[in-house]
Amino acid sequence: MKKRIVPDGRKIRGRPRLIGRYVVTDPAICHGKPTFRGTRILVSHVLEQVAEGMAWDAIVTEWRGSIDKEAIAEAVRLAHRAFLDHANEYTAPEYVLERVAA
């Protein structure tokens, strides 16, 4: 794979990828972590705001309209799908329930 050279002269391996309509990854932006398209707003920051119970309108306002509610909804859907796909990887053995004889 060819390396890209970004404006500051660094060579970056990999290409930008569209994960959804609003969520992208680009090795040259935020170390390749998922961001909202056309911004440097990390999806993880917005998901943390959602998890804290912040109203979506307030999130949009806080990011000065750089993202909208549809972008937040996509991030939540992607997080939901990732959780369902990988939940077993995060289950510690000491928390696995065993059947008890009745």
Protein backbone atom coordinates (compact mmCIF):
# COMPACT_ATOMS: atom_id res chain seq x y z
CA MET A 1 0.00 0.00 0.00
CA LYS A 2 1.30 3.45 -0.87
CA LYS A 3 1.85 6.05 1.80
CA ARG A 4 0.20 9.45 1.60
CA ILE A 5 2.07 12.59 2.52
CA VAL A 6 0.00 15.02 4.57
CA PRO A 7 0.55 18.82 4.66
CA ASP A 8 2.92 18.68 7.65
CA GLY A 9 5.18 16.26 5.74
CA ARG A 10 4.29 13.06 7.61
CA LYS A 11 3.84 9.88 5.62
CA ILE A 12 0.57 8.16 6.42
CA ARG A 13 -0.23 4.54 5.63
CA GLY A 14 -3.85 3.76 4.82
CA ARG A 15 -6.77 5.49 3.19
CA PRO A 16 -9.80 7.33 4.49
CA ARG A 17 -12.80 5.04 4.97
CA LEU A 18 -16.47 5.89 5.06
CA ILE A 19 -18.08 3.87 7.87
CA GLY A 20 -21.51 5.40 7.38
CA ARG A 21 -23.01 8.50 5.86
CA TYR A 22 -21.57 10.70 8.63
CA VAL A 23 -18.82 8.65 10.31
CA VAL A 24 -15.37 8.28 8.74
CA THR A 25 -11.87 7.17 9.63
CA ASP A 26 -8.74 8.69 8.13
CA PRO A 27 -5.24 7.79 9.35
CA ALA A 28 -4.25 11.44 8.75
CA ILE A 29 -6.99 12.81 11.03
CA CYS A 30 -7.17 12.16 14.78
CA HIS A 31 -4.82 9.15 14.46
CA GLY A 32 -7.42 7.26 12.42
CA LYS A 33 -10.08 7.26 15.15
CA PRO A 34 -13.69 7.60 13.95
CA THR A 35 -14.74 11.21 13.43
CA PHE A 36 -17.73 12.91 11.90
CA ARG A 37 -17.27 13.60 8.21
CA GLY A 38 -15.64 16.96 7.49
CA THR A 39 -14.73 17.56 11.16
CA ARG A 40 -12.19 16.53 13.77
CA ILE A 41 -14.97 15.73 16.24
CA LEU A 42 -14.36 12.28 17.67
CA VAL A 43 -17.38 9.99 17.61
CA SER A 44 -16.32 8.71 21.04
CA HIS A 45 -16.68 12.21 22.54
CA VAL A 46 -20.23 12.55 21.24
CA LEU A 47 -21.16 9.02 22.39
CA GLU A 48 -19.87 9.93 25.85
CA GLN A 49 -22.15 12.97 25.86
CA VAL A 50 -25.09 10.76 24.86
CA ALA A 51 -24.19 8.27 27.61
CA GLU A 52 -24.13 11.10 30.17
CA GLY A 53 -27.73 11.91 29.20
CA MET A 54 -27.02 15.17 27.39
CA ALA A 55 -29.89 16.21 25.11
CA TRP A 56 -29.09 15.78 21.43
CA ASP A 57 -30.05 19.40 20.72
CA ALA A 58 -27.52 20.48 23.36
CA ILE A 59 -24.85 18.28 21.77
CA VAL A 60 -25.49 19.88 18.38
CA THR A 61 -25.27 23.33 19.98
CA GLU A 62 -22.08 22.47 21.87
CA TRP A 63 -20.40 21.44 18.61
CA ARG A 64 -21.71 24.65 16.98
CA GLY A 65 -23.82 22.81 14.43
CA SER A 66 -20.83 20.91 12.96
CA ILE A 67 -22.83 17.73 13.50
CA ASP A 68 -26.57 17.19 13.46
CA LYS A 69 -29.01 14.80 15.11
CA GLU A 70 -28.87 12.43 12.13
CA ALA A 71 -25.10 12.12 12.60
CA ILE A 72 -25.55 11.42 16.32
CA ALA A 73 -28.20 8.79 15.52
CA GLU A 74 -25.82 7.09 13.09
CA ALA A 75 -23.07 7.03 15.73
CA VAL A 76 -25.47 5.46 18.25
CA ARG A 77 -26.58 2.84 15.69
CA LEU A 78 -22.96 1.98 14.86
CA ALA A 79 -22.08 1.73 18.56
CA HIS A 80 -25.11 -0.53 19.10
CA ARG A 81 -24.06 -2.82 16.28
CA ALA A 82 -20.44 -2.91 17.53
CA PHE A 83 -21.65 -3.78 21.03
CA LEU A 84 -23.81 -6.63 19.75
CA ASP A 85 -20.98 -7.93 17.56
CA HIS A 86 -18.34 -7.79 20.32
CA ALA A 87 -20.15 -8.07 23.68
CA ASN A 88 -18.72 -11.54 24.37
CA GLU A 89 -15.19 -10.13 24.17
CA TYR A 90 -15.90 -7.90 27.18
CA THR A 91 -17.49 -10.47 29.47
CA ALA A 92 -15.15 -11.26 32.33
CA PRO A 93 -15.23 -14.96 33.32
CA GLU A 94 -16.09 -14.11 36.95
CA TYR A 95 -19.32 -12.50 35.78
CA VAL A 96 -20.63 -15.46 33.76
CA LEU A 97 -23.75 -16.84 35.41
CA GLU A 98 -24.01 -20.56 36.02
CA ARG A 99 -27.24 -22.47 36.39
CA VAL A 100 -28.19 -23.45 39.92
CA ALA A 101 -30.02 -26.69 40.57
CA ALA A 102 -33.60 -26.03 41.65
